[in-house]
N, C-alpha and C. Protein backbone atom coordinates (compact mmCIF):
# COMPACT_ATOMS: atom_id res chain seq x y z
N MET A 1 -59.30 33.26 22.01
CA MET A 1 -58.95 34.47 21.28
C MET A 1 -59.81 34.53 20.02
N ARG A 2 -60.64 35.55 19.92
CA ARG A 2 -61.52 35.66 18.77
C ARG A 2 -61.79 37.13 18.48
N TYR A 3 -62.16 37.41 17.24
CA TYR A 3 -62.38 38.78 16.80
C TYR A 3 -63.86 39.04 16.51
N ALA A 4 -64.72 38.18 16.95
CA ALA A 4 -66.17 38.34 16.79
C ALA A 4 -66.84 37.66 17.97
N GLU A 5 -68.14 37.77 18.04
CA GLU A 5 -68.90 37.13 19.11
C GLU A 5 -69.77 36.04 18.50
N PRO A 6 -69.26 34.81 18.41
CA PRO A 6 -70.08 33.72 17.86
C PRO A 6 -71.33 33.49 18.68
N ARG A 7 -72.40 33.19 17.99
CA ARG A 7 -73.69 33.00 18.65
C ARG A 7 -73.64 31.82 19.63
N ALA A 8 -72.81 30.82 19.33
CA ALA A 8 -72.75 29.63 20.20
C ALA A 8 -72.29 29.99 21.61
N PHE A 9 -71.41 30.98 21.74
CA PHE A 9 -70.92 31.35 23.07
C PHE A 9 -72.04 31.93 23.93
N SER A 10 -72.83 32.83 23.34
CA SER A 10 -73.93 33.42 24.11
C SER A 10 -74.99 32.38 24.44
N ILE A 11 -75.24 31.44 23.52
CA ILE A 11 -76.20 30.37 23.81
C ILE A 11 -75.71 29.50 24.96
N TYR A 12 -74.41 29.19 24.95
CA TYR A 12 -73.86 28.36 26.02
C TYR A 12 -73.89 29.07 27.36
N VAL A 13 -73.62 30.36 27.37
CA VAL A 13 -73.69 31.13 28.61
C VAL A 13 -75.12 31.11 29.14
N THR A 14 -76.09 31.24 28.27
CA THR A 14 -77.50 31.18 28.70
C THR A 14 -77.82 29.83 29.31
N ARG A 15 -77.33 28.76 28.71
CA ARG A 15 -77.57 27.43 29.27
C ARG A 15 -76.89 27.28 30.64
N CYS A 16 -75.71 27.86 30.76
CA CYS A 16 -75.01 27.77 32.06
C CYS A 16 -75.79 28.52 33.14
N ASN A 17 -76.35 29.66 32.77
CA ASN A 17 -77.13 30.42 33.75
C ASN A 17 -78.40 29.68 34.17
N ARG A 18 -78.90 28.81 33.28
CA ARG A 18 -80.08 28.03 33.61
C ARG A 18 -79.75 26.70 34.28
N SER A 19 -78.46 26.48 34.57
CA SER A 19 -78.00 25.24 35.22
C SER A 19 -78.36 24.02 34.39
N GLU A 20 -78.27 24.16 33.05
CA GLU A 20 -78.58 23.04 32.16
C GLU A 20 -77.33 22.26 31.74
N THR A 21 -76.17 22.67 32.21
CA THR A 21 -74.93 22.02 31.79
C THR A 21 -74.09 21.63 33.01
N ASP A 22 -73.11 20.77 32.71
CA ASP A 22 -72.18 20.31 33.74
C ASP A 22 -71.01 21.27 33.79
N LEU A 23 -70.82 21.92 34.94
CA LEU A 23 -69.75 22.90 35.10
C LEU A 23 -68.76 22.49 36.19
N ARG A 24 -68.63 21.18 36.44
CA ARG A 24 -67.81 20.72 37.55
C ARG A 24 -66.32 20.76 37.21
N SER A 25 -65.95 20.85 35.94
CA SER A 25 -64.54 20.86 35.58
C SER A 25 -64.35 21.64 34.28
N GLY A 26 -63.09 21.99 34.01
CA GLY A 26 -62.80 22.68 32.77
C GLY A 26 -63.10 21.82 31.55
N SER A 27 -62.86 20.52 31.66
CA SER A 27 -63.16 19.61 30.55
C SER A 27 -64.65 19.59 30.24
N ALA A 28 -65.45 19.60 31.30
CA ALA A 28 -66.90 19.60 31.10
C ALA A 28 -67.36 20.88 30.44
N VAL A 29 -66.77 22.00 30.84
CA VAL A 29 -67.12 23.28 30.21
C VAL A 29 -66.73 23.26 28.73
N LEU A 30 -65.53 22.73 28.46
CA LEU A 30 -65.06 22.69 27.07
C LEU A 30 -65.97 21.84 26.19
N ILE A 31 -66.30 20.63 26.65
CA ILE A 31 -67.14 19.76 25.82
C ILE A 31 -68.54 20.33 25.69
N GLY A 32 -69.01 21.00 26.74
CA GLY A 32 -70.33 21.64 26.65
C GLY A 32 -70.34 22.75 25.61
N LEU A 33 -69.27 23.54 25.59
CA LEU A 33 -69.16 24.60 24.59
C LEU A 33 -69.05 24.02 23.19
N LEU A 34 -68.28 22.95 23.04
CA LEU A 34 -68.14 22.31 21.72
C LEU A 34 -69.48 21.73 21.25
N GLU A 35 -70.23 21.15 22.16
CA GLU A 35 -71.55 20.62 21.79
C GLU A 35 -72.48 21.73 21.31
N THR A 36 -72.38 22.88 21.96
CA THR A 36 -73.21 24.02 21.54
C THR A 36 -72.78 24.51 20.15
N ILE A 37 -71.47 24.53 19.92
CA ILE A 37 -70.97 24.94 18.61
C ILE A 37 -71.44 23.96 17.53
N ILE A 38 -71.41 22.68 17.84
CA ILE A 38 -71.85 21.67 16.87
C ILE A 38 -73.34 21.81 16.59
N ASP A 39 -74.13 22.06 17.64
CA ASP A 39 -75.57 22.29 17.43
C ASP A 39 -75.81 23.50 16.56
N ARG A 40 -75.03 24.54 16.81
CA ARG A 40 -75.16 25.76 16.00
C ARG A 40 -74.77 25.49 14.55
N LEU A 41 -73.71 24.71 14.35
CA LEU A 41 -73.28 24.37 12.99
C LEU A 41 -74.34 23.52 12.29
N ALA A 42 -74.98 22.63 13.04
CA ALA A 42 -76.04 21.81 12.45
C ALA A 42 -77.20 22.68 11.98
N ASP A 43 -77.58 23.65 12.81
CA ASP A 43 -78.65 24.58 12.39
C ASP A 43 -78.23 25.37 11.15
N PHE A 44 -76.97 25.75 11.11
CA PHE A 44 -76.45 26.51 9.99
C PHE A 44 -76.52 25.70 8.70
N ILE A 45 -76.09 24.44 8.77
CA ILE A 45 -76.13 23.57 7.59
C ILE A 45 -77.57 23.29 7.17
N GLU A 46 -78.45 23.18 8.14
CA GLU A 46 -79.87 22.98 7.81
C GLU A 46 -80.43 24.19 7.06
N ARG A 47 -80.01 25.38 7.47
CA ARG A 47 -80.46 26.57 6.76
C ARG A 47 -79.93 26.60 5.33
N ILE A 48 -78.66 26.18 5.17
CA ILE A 48 -78.09 26.10 3.82
C ILE A 48 -78.89 25.14 2.96
N GLN A 49 -79.28 24.00 3.54
CA GLN A 49 -80.06 23.03 2.78
C GLN A 49 -81.38 23.63 2.34
N ALA A 50 -82.04 24.37 3.23
CA ALA A 50 -83.31 25.00 2.86
C ALA A 50 -83.12 26.00 1.72
N GLU A 51 -82.04 26.78 1.79
CA GLU A 51 -81.75 27.74 0.73
C GLU A 51 -81.48 27.03 -0.59
N VAL A 52 -80.73 25.94 -0.53
CA VAL A 52 -80.40 25.19 -1.75
C VAL A 52 -81.65 24.58 -2.36
N GLU A 53 -82.53 24.07 -1.53
CA GLU A 53 -83.78 23.51 -2.04
C GLU A 53 -84.61 24.60 -2.73
N GLY A 54 -84.65 25.80 -2.12
CA GLY A 54 -85.37 26.90 -2.75
C GLY A 54 -84.76 27.30 -4.08
N LEU A 55 -83.43 27.31 -4.15
CA LEU A 55 -82.76 27.63 -5.41
C LEU A 55 -83.06 26.57 -6.47
N SER A 56 -83.10 25.32 -6.05
CA SER A 56 -83.38 24.23 -6.99
C SER A 56 -84.75 24.41 -7.63
N HIS A 57 -85.75 24.72 -6.81
CA HIS A 57 -87.10 24.94 -7.36
C HIS A 57 -87.13 26.16 -8.26
N SER A 58 -86.41 27.21 -7.88
CA SER A 58 -86.42 28.43 -8.68
C SER A 58 -85.78 28.22 -10.04
N ILE A 59 -84.70 27.45 -10.07
CA ILE A 59 -83.99 27.25 -11.33
C ILE A 59 -84.84 26.50 -12.34
N PHE A 60 -85.48 25.43 -11.89
CA PHE A 60 -86.21 24.57 -12.83
C PHE A 60 -87.65 25.01 -13.05
N GLU A 61 -88.04 26.12 -12.44
CA GLU A 61 -89.40 26.60 -12.65
C GLU A 61 -89.43 28.00 -13.26
N ILE A 62 -88.29 28.46 -13.77
CA ILE A 62 -88.25 29.78 -14.40
C ILE A 62 -89.04 29.75 -15.70
N LYS A 63 -89.93 30.71 -15.85
CA LYS A 63 -90.73 30.81 -17.07
C LYS A 63 -90.48 32.16 -17.73
N GLY A 64 -90.98 32.27 -18.93
CA GLY A 64 -90.81 33.52 -19.66
C GLY A 64 -89.51 33.53 -20.44
N GLY A 65 -89.15 34.67 -20.93
CA GLY A 65 -87.95 34.79 -21.74
C GLY A 65 -87.48 36.22 -21.78
N GLY A 66 -86.48 36.45 -22.62
CA GLY A 66 -85.99 37.79 -22.80
C GLY A 66 -85.13 38.26 -21.65
N ALA A 67 -85.15 39.58 -21.45
CA ALA A 67 -84.29 40.21 -20.45
C ALA A 67 -84.66 39.80 -19.03
N SER A 68 -85.97 39.62 -18.76
CA SER A 68 -86.38 39.24 -17.40
C SER A 68 -85.85 37.87 -17.02
N ARG A 69 -85.86 36.95 -17.96
CA ARG A 69 -85.33 35.61 -17.69
C ARG A 69 -83.83 35.68 -17.44
N GLN A 70 -83.13 36.49 -18.22
CA GLN A 70 -81.70 36.64 -18.04
C GLN A 70 -81.38 37.25 -16.69
N ARG A 71 -82.18 38.22 -16.25
CA ARG A 71 -81.96 38.82 -14.92
C ARG A 71 -82.18 37.80 -13.82
N ARG A 72 -83.19 36.94 -14.00
CA ARG A 72 -83.43 35.90 -13.00
C ARG A 72 -82.22 34.96 -12.89
N PHE A 73 -81.66 34.61 -14.03
CA PHE A 73 -80.49 33.73 -14.02
C PHE A 73 -79.30 34.43 -13.36
N ASP A 74 -79.14 35.71 -13.59
CA ASP A 74 -78.05 36.45 -12.95
C ASP A 74 -78.20 36.43 -11.43
N VAL A 75 -79.42 36.65 -10.96
CA VAL A 75 -79.68 36.62 -9.51
C VAL A 75 -79.41 35.23 -8.94
N LEU A 76 -79.85 34.20 -9.67
CA LEU A 76 -79.64 32.82 -9.20
C LEU A 76 -78.16 32.46 -9.16
N LEU A 77 -77.40 32.91 -10.14
CA LEU A 77 -75.97 32.61 -10.15
C LEU A 77 -75.28 33.23 -8.94
N ARG A 78 -75.65 34.47 -8.61
CA ARG A 78 -75.06 35.10 -7.42
C ARG A 78 -75.47 34.37 -6.15
N ALA A 79 -76.73 33.95 -6.09
CA ALA A 79 -77.20 33.22 -4.89
C ALA A 79 -76.50 31.87 -4.77
N ILE A 80 -76.32 31.18 -5.89
CA ILE A 80 -75.63 29.89 -5.85
C ILE A 80 -74.19 30.07 -5.41
N GLY A 81 -73.53 31.09 -5.92
CA GLY A 81 -72.16 31.36 -5.50
C GLY A 81 -72.06 31.66 -4.01
N ARG A 82 -73.03 32.43 -3.51
CA ARG A 82 -73.02 32.77 -2.09
C ARG A 82 -73.23 31.52 -1.23
N GLU A 83 -74.19 30.68 -1.60
CA GLU A 83 -74.45 29.46 -0.82
C GLU A 83 -73.28 28.49 -0.93
N GLY A 84 -72.63 28.45 -2.10
CA GLY A 84 -71.46 27.59 -2.23
C GLY A 84 -70.33 28.01 -1.31
N GLU A 85 -70.12 29.31 -1.18
CA GLU A 85 -69.07 29.80 -0.28
C GLU A 85 -69.42 29.49 1.17
N ILE A 86 -70.69 29.68 1.53
CA ILE A 86 -71.10 29.39 2.91
C ILE A 86 -70.96 27.90 3.22
N ALA A 87 -71.37 27.06 2.27
CA ALA A 87 -71.25 25.61 2.48
C ALA A 87 -69.79 25.20 2.62
N SER A 88 -68.91 25.83 1.85
CA SER A 88 -67.49 25.53 1.96
C SER A 88 -66.95 25.91 3.34
N LYS A 89 -67.38 27.06 3.85
CA LYS A 89 -66.94 27.47 5.19
C LYS A 89 -67.50 26.54 6.27
N ALA A 90 -68.74 26.09 6.09
CA ALA A 90 -69.32 25.16 7.06
C ALA A 90 -68.56 23.85 7.07
N ARG A 91 -68.20 23.36 5.89
CA ARG A 91 -67.44 22.11 5.83
C ARG A 91 -66.05 22.27 6.44
N GLU A 92 -65.43 23.43 6.21
CA GLU A 92 -64.12 23.71 6.81
C GLU A 92 -64.23 23.75 8.34
N SER A 93 -65.30 24.36 8.84
CA SER A 93 -65.50 24.40 10.29
C SER A 93 -65.71 23.00 10.85
N ALA A 94 -66.47 22.18 10.13
CA ALA A 94 -66.70 20.81 10.60
C ALA A 94 -65.40 20.01 10.63
N HIS A 95 -64.54 20.20 9.62
CA HIS A 95 -63.25 19.51 9.63
C HIS A 95 -62.40 19.96 10.82
N SER A 96 -62.42 21.25 11.11
CA SER A 96 -61.63 21.75 12.24
C SER A 96 -62.14 21.17 13.55
N LEU A 97 -63.46 21.12 13.71
CA LEU A 97 -64.03 20.53 14.92
C LEU A 97 -63.69 19.05 15.01
N GLY A 98 -63.70 18.36 13.87
CA GLY A 98 -63.36 16.93 13.88
C GLY A 98 -61.93 16.69 14.34
N ARG A 99 -61.01 17.51 13.88
CA ARG A 99 -59.62 17.37 14.33
C ARG A 99 -59.49 17.66 15.81
N LEU A 100 -60.20 18.67 16.30
CA LEU A 100 -60.16 19.01 17.71
C LEU A 100 -60.71 17.88 18.57
N LEU A 101 -61.82 17.31 18.15
CA LEU A 101 -62.43 16.23 18.93
C LEU A 101 -61.58 14.97 18.90
N THR A 102 -60.92 14.72 17.78
CA THR A 102 -60.00 13.57 17.72
C THR A 102 -58.88 13.74 18.75
N PHE A 103 -58.35 14.95 18.85
CA PHE A 103 -57.32 15.23 19.85
C PHE A 103 -57.87 15.03 21.27
N LEU A 104 -59.09 15.50 21.52
CA LEU A 104 -59.67 15.37 22.85
C LEU A 104 -59.93 13.91 23.21
N VAL A 105 -60.35 13.12 22.24
CA VAL A 105 -60.57 11.70 22.51
C VAL A 105 -59.27 11.04 22.93
N ASN A 106 -58.19 11.31 22.21
CA ASN A 106 -56.89 10.72 22.56
C ASN A 106 -56.38 11.24 23.90
N ALA A 107 -56.64 12.52 24.19
CA ALA A 107 -56.17 13.09 25.46
C ALA A 107 -56.94 12.53 26.64
N ALA A 108 -58.21 12.21 26.45
CA ALA A 108 -59.03 11.72 27.57
C ALA A 108 -58.96 10.21 27.75
N THR A 109 -58.34 9.51 26.81
CA THR A 109 -58.27 8.05 26.90
C THR A 109 -57.42 7.63 28.10
N GLY A 110 -57.95 6.67 28.86
CA GLY A 110 -57.22 6.13 30.00
C GLY A 110 -57.48 6.83 31.31
N ARG A 111 -58.24 7.89 31.32
CA ARG A 111 -58.54 8.63 32.55
C ARG A 111 -59.93 8.22 33.02
N LYS A 112 -59.96 7.52 34.14
CA LYS A 112 -61.22 6.96 34.63
C LYS A 112 -62.22 8.04 35.00
N GLU A 113 -61.71 9.17 35.52
CA GLU A 113 -62.63 10.21 35.96
C GLU A 113 -63.31 10.91 34.78
N ASP A 114 -62.78 10.72 33.57
CA ASP A 114 -63.33 11.38 32.39
C ASP A 114 -64.15 10.43 31.52
N LYS A 115 -64.56 9.28 32.06
CA LYS A 115 -65.33 8.31 31.27
C LYS A 115 -66.61 8.93 30.69
N PRO A 116 -67.43 9.62 31.50
CA PRO A 116 -68.64 10.22 30.91
C PRO A 116 -68.32 11.26 29.83
N LEU A 117 -67.24 12.02 30.08
CA LEU A 117 -66.85 13.03 29.08
C LEU A 117 -66.35 12.37 27.80
N GLN A 118 -65.68 11.22 27.92
CA GLN A 118 -65.21 10.52 26.73
C GLN A 118 -66.39 10.10 25.85
N ALA A 119 -67.45 9.64 26.50
CA ALA A 119 -68.64 9.25 25.73
C ALA A 119 -69.24 10.46 25.02
N ARG A 120 -69.29 11.59 25.70
CA ARG A 120 -69.83 12.81 25.07
C ARG A 120 -68.93 13.27 23.91
N ILE A 121 -67.62 13.14 24.11
CA ILE A 121 -66.69 13.54 23.05
C ILE A 121 -66.88 12.65 21.82
N ARG A 122 -66.99 11.34 22.04
CA ARG A 122 -67.18 10.42 20.90
C ARG A 122 -68.51 10.70 20.19
N THR A 123 -69.54 10.99 20.96
CA THR A 123 -70.84 11.33 20.35
C THR A 123 -70.72 12.61 19.52
N ALA A 124 -70.02 13.59 20.08
CA ALA A 124 -69.83 14.83 19.34
C ALA A 124 -69.02 14.60 18.07
N ALA A 125 -68.01 13.72 18.16
CA ALA A 125 -67.18 13.41 16.99
C ALA A 125 -68.02 12.76 15.89
N ARG A 126 -68.92 11.85 16.28
CA ARG A 126 -69.80 11.22 15.28
C ARG A 126 -70.74 12.26 14.66
N ASP A 127 -71.21 13.18 15.48
CA ASP A 127 -72.07 14.24 14.94
C ASP A 127 -71.32 15.10 13.93
N VAL A 128 -70.07 15.40 14.24
CA VAL A 128 -69.28 16.23 13.33
C VAL A 128 -69.04 15.49 12.01
N ILE A 129 -68.80 14.19 12.09
CA ILE A 129 -68.61 13.40 10.86
C ILE A 129 -69.88 13.45 10.01
N SER A 130 -71.04 13.33 10.66
CA SER A 130 -72.30 13.41 9.92
C SER A 130 -72.49 14.78 9.29
N LEU A 131 -72.15 15.84 10.04
CA LEU A 131 -72.28 17.19 9.50
C LEU A 131 -71.32 17.42 8.34
N THR A 132 -70.12 16.85 8.45
CA THR A 132 -69.16 16.98 7.35
C THR A 132 -69.69 16.32 6.08
N ASP A 133 -70.24 15.12 6.24
CA ASP A 133 -70.81 14.42 5.08
C ASP A 133 -71.98 15.21 4.50
N HIS A 134 -72.79 15.79 5.37
CA HIS A 134 -73.93 16.57 4.90
C HIS A 134 -73.46 17.82 4.16
N ALA A 135 -72.46 18.50 4.69
CA ALA A 135 -71.94 19.69 4.02
C ALA A 135 -71.31 19.33 2.68
N THR A 136 -70.64 18.17 2.61
CA THR A 136 -70.07 17.71 1.34
C THR A 136 -71.17 17.44 0.33
N PHE A 137 -72.25 16.81 0.79
CA PHE A 137 -73.40 16.56 -0.09
C PHE A 137 -73.99 17.87 -0.62
N LEU A 138 -74.13 18.85 0.27
CA LEU A 138 -74.68 20.13 -0.16
C LEU A 138 -73.75 20.82 -1.16
N SER A 139 -72.44 20.70 -0.95
CA SER A 139 -71.50 21.29 -1.89
C SER A 139 -71.65 20.66 -3.27
N GLY A 140 -71.81 19.33 -3.30
CA GLY A 140 -72.04 18.66 -4.57
C GLY A 140 -73.34 19.09 -5.23
N LYS A 141 -74.38 19.27 -4.43
CA LYS A 141 -75.66 19.71 -5.00
C LYS A 141 -75.57 21.14 -5.52
N ILE A 142 -74.82 21.98 -4.82
CA ILE A 142 -74.64 23.36 -5.29
C ILE A 142 -73.90 23.37 -6.62
N ILE A 143 -72.90 22.50 -6.76
CA ILE A 143 -72.19 22.41 -8.04
C ILE A 143 -73.15 21.94 -9.14
N PHE A 144 -74.03 20.99 -8.81
CA PHE A 144 -75.02 20.53 -9.79
C PHE A 144 -75.95 21.67 -10.20
N LEU A 145 -76.40 22.46 -9.23
CA LEU A 145 -77.28 23.59 -9.55
C LEU A 145 -76.55 24.63 -10.40
N LEU A 146 -75.27 24.84 -10.10
CA LEU A 146 -74.49 25.78 -10.92
C LEU A 146 -74.39 25.29 -12.35
N ASP A 147 -74.09 24.00 -12.52
CA ASP A 147 -74.01 23.43 -13.88
C ASP A 147 -75.36 23.51 -14.59
N ALA A 148 -76.44 23.24 -13.84
CA ALA A 148 -77.77 23.29 -14.44
C ALA A 148 -78.12 24.71 -14.88
N THR A 149 -77.78 25.68 -14.04
CA THR A 149 -78.07 27.08 -14.40
C THR A 149 -77.28 27.50 -15.63
N LEU A 150 -76.00 27.17 -15.66
CA LEU A 150 -75.18 27.52 -16.82
C LEU A 150 -75.69 26.80 -18.07
N GLY A 151 -76.15 25.55 -17.90
CA GLY A 151 -76.70 24.82 -19.05
C GLY A 151 -77.96 25.48 -19.59
N MET A 152 -78.83 25.94 -18.69
CA MET A 152 -80.05 26.61 -19.13
C MET A 152 -79.75 27.95 -19.78
N ILE A 153 -78.72 28.65 -19.29
CA ILE A 153 -78.31 29.89 -19.93
C ILE A 153 -77.80 29.61 -21.34
N ASN A 154 -77.04 28.53 -21.48
CA ASN A 154 -76.54 28.16 -22.82
C ASN A 154 -77.69 27.80 -23.75
N ILE A 155 -78.69 27.11 -23.23
CA ILE A 155 -79.86 26.77 -24.04
C ILE A 155 -80.57 28.03 -24.50
N GLN A 156 -80.73 28.98 -23.57
CA GLN A 156 -81.38 30.24 -23.94
C GLN A 156 -80.58 30.98 -25.00
N GLN A 157 -79.27 31.02 -24.84
CA GLN A 157 -78.44 31.69 -25.84
C GLN A 157 -78.50 30.97 -27.18
N ASN A 158 -78.55 29.64 -27.15
CA ASN A 158 -78.66 28.89 -28.40
C ASN A 158 -79.99 29.17 -29.09
N ASP A 159 -81.05 29.33 -28.31
CA ASP A 159 -82.35 29.67 -28.90
C ASP A 159 -82.29 31.04 -29.59
N ILE A 160 -81.61 31.98 -28.94
CA ILE A 160 -81.49 33.32 -29.53
C ILE A 160 -80.70 33.25 -30.84
N ILE A 161 -79.59 32.51 -30.80
CA ILE A 161 -78.76 32.37 -32.01
C ILE A 161 -79.54 31.66 -33.10
N LYS A 162 -80.35 30.66 -32.70
CA LYS A 162 -81.15 29.94 -33.69
C LYS A 162 -82.16 30.86 -34.36
N ILE A 163 -82.75 31.76 -33.58
CA ILE A 163 -83.72 32.70 -34.16
C ILE A 163 -83.03 33.61 -35.18
N PHE A 164 -81.85 34.09 -34.83
CA PHE A 164 -81.12 34.94 -35.79
C PHE A 164 -80.74 34.15 -37.04
N SER A 165 -80.34 32.91 -36.86
CA SER A 165 -79.95 32.09 -38.00
C SER A 165 -81.13 31.84 -38.93
N VAL A 166 -82.28 31.51 -38.34
CA VAL A 166 -83.48 31.27 -39.14
C VAL A 166 -83.92 32.55 -39.83
N ALA A 167 -83.83 33.68 -39.11
CA ALA A 167 -84.20 34.96 -39.72
C ALA A 167 -83.30 35.27 -40.91
N ALA A 168 -82.01 34.96 -40.78
CA ALA A 168 -81.10 35.20 -41.90
C ALA A 168 -81.45 34.33 -43.09
N VAL A 169 -81.78 33.06 -42.82
CA VAL A 169 -82.14 32.15 -43.91
C VAL A 169 -83.45 32.57 -44.55
N VAL A 170 -84.42 33.04 -43.75
CA VAL A 170 -85.72 33.45 -44.28
C VAL A 170 -85.58 34.66 -45.19
N PHE A 171 -84.76 35.62 -44.79
CA PHE A 171 -84.65 36.86 -45.57
C PHE A 171 -83.58 36.80 -46.66
N LEU A 172 -82.84 35.71 -46.73
CA LEU A 172 -81.82 35.61 -47.77
C LEU A 172 -82.41 35.51 -49.19
N PRO A 173 -83.39 34.61 -49.44
CA PRO A 173 -83.95 34.56 -50.81
C PRO A 173 -84.61 35.86 -51.25
N PRO A 174 -85.44 36.54 -50.43
CA PRO A 174 -85.97 37.83 -50.88
C PRO A 174 -84.87 38.85 -51.19
N THR A 175 -83.81 38.82 -50.37
CA THR A 175 -82.70 39.74 -50.63
C THR A 175 -82.04 39.42 -51.96
N LEU A 176 -81.91 38.13 -52.27
CA LEU A 176 -81.34 37.73 -53.56
C LEU A 176 -82.21 38.23 -54.72
N LEU A 177 -83.53 38.06 -54.61
CA LEU A 177 -84.42 38.53 -55.68
C LEU A 177 -84.34 40.05 -55.84
N ALA A 178 -84.36 40.75 -54.69
CA ALA A 178 -84.27 42.20 -54.75
C ALA A 178 -82.95 42.65 -55.35
N SER A 179 -81.87 41.91 -55.08
CA SER A 179 -80.57 42.27 -55.64
C SER A 179 -80.55 42.05 -57.15
N ILE A 180 -81.16 40.95 -57.57
CA ILE A 180 -81.17 40.66 -59.01
C ILE A 180 -81.94 41.74 -59.78
N TYR A 181 -83.13 42.06 -59.28
CA TYR A 181 -83.94 43.05 -59.99
C TYR A 181 -83.58 44.48 -59.63
N GLY A 182 -82.59 44.63 -58.77
CA GLY A 182 -82.10 45.98 -58.48
C GLY A 182 -80.94 46.38 -59.37
N MET A 183 -80.48 45.45 -60.20
CA MET A 183 -79.40 45.77 -61.12
C MET A 183 -79.91 46.71 -62.23
N ASN A 184 -79.03 47.51 -62.76
CA ASN A 184 -79.41 48.53 -63.74
C ASN A 184 -78.81 48.26 -65.13
N PHE A 185 -78.81 47.00 -65.55
CA PHE A 185 -78.35 46.68 -66.88
C PHE A 185 -79.38 47.12 -67.92
N HIS A 186 -78.90 47.44 -69.09
CA HIS A 186 -79.81 47.96 -70.13
C HIS A 186 -80.72 46.85 -70.69
N ASN A 187 -80.15 45.68 -70.93
CA ASN A 187 -80.93 44.59 -71.52
C ASN A 187 -81.50 43.69 -70.41
N MET A 188 -82.55 44.12 -69.78
CA MET A 188 -83.28 43.32 -68.79
C MET A 188 -84.75 43.30 -69.21
N PRO A 189 -85.21 42.18 -69.81
CA PRO A 189 -86.58 42.14 -70.36
C PRO A 189 -87.64 42.44 -69.30
N GLU A 190 -87.40 42.04 -68.04
CA GLU A 190 -88.43 42.21 -67.01
C GLU A 190 -88.72 43.68 -66.71
N LEU A 191 -87.79 44.55 -67.02
CA LEU A 191 -88.00 45.97 -66.70
C LEU A 191 -89.14 46.57 -67.49
N ASP A 192 -89.40 46.04 -68.67
CA ASP A 192 -90.48 46.56 -69.51
C ASP A 192 -91.78 45.77 -69.36
N TRP A 193 -91.78 44.77 -68.47
CA TRP A 193 -92.97 43.94 -68.32
C TRP A 193 -93.91 44.61 -67.32
N MET A 194 -95.20 44.64 -67.63
CA MET A 194 -96.17 45.35 -66.80
C MET A 194 -96.34 44.67 -65.44
N PHE A 195 -96.26 43.34 -65.44
CA PHE A 195 -96.47 42.59 -64.18
C PHE A 195 -95.15 42.22 -63.49
N GLY A 196 -94.05 42.78 -63.94
CA GLY A 196 -92.76 42.43 -63.35
C GLY A 196 -92.63 42.86 -61.89
N TYR A 197 -93.05 44.06 -61.58
CA TYR A 197 -92.92 44.55 -60.20
C TYR A 197 -93.78 43.75 -59.22
N PRO A 198 -95.11 43.57 -59.49
CA PRO A 198 -95.89 42.75 -58.54
C PRO A 198 -95.41 41.31 -58.47
N LEU A 199 -94.95 40.76 -59.61
CA LEU A 199 -94.45 39.39 -59.57
C LEU A 199 -93.20 39.29 -58.69
N ALA A 200 -92.33 40.29 -58.76
CA ALA A 200 -91.13 40.28 -57.92
C ALA A 200 -91.50 40.36 -56.44
N LEU A 201 -92.49 41.18 -56.11
CA LEU A 201 -92.94 41.26 -54.71
C LEU A 201 -93.50 39.94 -54.24
N ILE A 202 -94.32 39.31 -55.12
CA ILE A 202 -94.91 38.02 -54.74
C ILE A 202 -93.82 36.97 -54.54
N LEU A 203 -92.84 36.96 -55.42
CA LEU A 203 -91.74 36.00 -55.29
C LEU A 203 -90.95 36.23 -54.00
N MET A 204 -90.73 37.47 -53.63
CA MET A 204 -90.01 37.75 -52.39
C MET A 204 -90.80 37.31 -51.16
N VAL A 205 -92.12 37.54 -51.19
CA VAL A 205 -92.95 37.09 -50.06
C VAL A 205 -92.94 35.58 -49.96
N LEU A 206 -93.10 34.90 -51.10
CA LEU A 206 -93.08 33.44 -51.09
C LEU A 206 -91.72 32.90 -50.64
N ALA A 207 -90.66 33.56 -51.09
CA ALA A 207 -89.32 33.11 -50.71
C ALA A 207 -89.08 33.28 -49.21
N ALA A 208 -89.80 34.19 -48.54
CA ALA A 208 -89.67 34.35 -47.09
C ALA A 208 -90.61 33.44 -46.33
N VAL A 209 -91.83 33.25 -46.85
CA VAL A 209 -92.85 32.48 -46.14
C VAL A 209 -92.58 30.98 -46.22
N LEU A 210 -92.19 30.48 -47.39
CA LEU A 210 -91.99 29.04 -47.56
C LEU A 210 -90.90 28.47 -46.65
N PRO A 211 -89.73 29.10 -46.53
CA PRO A 211 -88.75 28.57 -45.56
C PRO A 211 -89.26 28.62 -44.12
N TYR A 212 -90.02 29.65 -43.79
CA TYR A 212 -90.56 29.74 -42.42
C TYR A 212 -91.51 28.58 -42.14
N ILE A 213 -92.40 28.28 -43.11
CA ILE A 213 -93.33 27.16 -42.94
C ILE A 213 -92.56 25.84 -42.83
N TYR A 214 -91.52 25.70 -43.64
CA TYR A 214 -90.72 24.47 -43.61
C TYR A 214 -90.05 24.30 -42.25
N PHE A 215 -89.44 25.36 -41.73
CA PHE A 215 -88.78 25.28 -40.44
C PHE A 215 -89.78 25.01 -39.31
N LYS A 216 -90.96 25.58 -39.46
CA LYS A 216 -92.00 25.40 -38.45
C LYS A 216 -92.44 23.95 -38.39
N ARG A 217 -92.63 23.32 -39.55
CA ARG A 217 -93.05 21.92 -39.60
C ARG A 217 -91.96 20.98 -39.09
N LYS A 218 -90.72 21.35 -39.31
CA LYS A 218 -89.61 20.54 -38.83
C LYS A 218 -89.38 20.69 -37.33
N GLY A 219 -90.07 21.67 -36.73
CA GLY A 219 -89.90 21.88 -35.29
C GLY A 219 -88.66 22.65 -34.93
N TRP A 220 -88.09 23.37 -35.86
CA TRP A 220 -86.87 24.13 -35.59
C TRP A 220 -87.18 25.49 -35.00
N LEU A 221 -88.45 25.87 -34.94
CA LEU A 221 -88.86 27.16 -34.38
C LEU A 221 -89.78 26.94 -33.19
């Protein structure tokens, strides 16, 4: 009973038409179909691994900055989420197949006529265990890539905040000087000085440039 047409069924039917499988009993048909499903799941997990490897290279090789970099991270986050969901479904399918094969091994135990099928069932069970471990590994790697992406986004945001902080510190002294000489008190000797205006401009420029040079030498920019 199913509500879709899994690819494994059509592949198995094709193999049956080519007389590549054992069709002498219902048990043989069942194990043949399960083997095809396991092969299909293995291909599926292999594709997930290829996608995860591509995401890994993309994450750690992103260059540039600004809005384009942020858009790249948004695309990568969606791709990581999609692959994580697919890997979770693959692992769930592998667990279901493992439970089914465990039942079949116990059901076939002690029946002499099913000795060859028992060997095939045990082989399939070992394959499912390997696929489950592989899917678990991929899930862990996807979580690592998600953490790495979020960490790089945080680094980018920290860089932006750092730029604003440095800009505020750079423009604070000139703003202070402009505020002082922008006062309109009557007794301000500098107001009558011929060089007061250019000196104030020079002081504001120096007050902005000197902190910038200091931050640059410290490696904060």
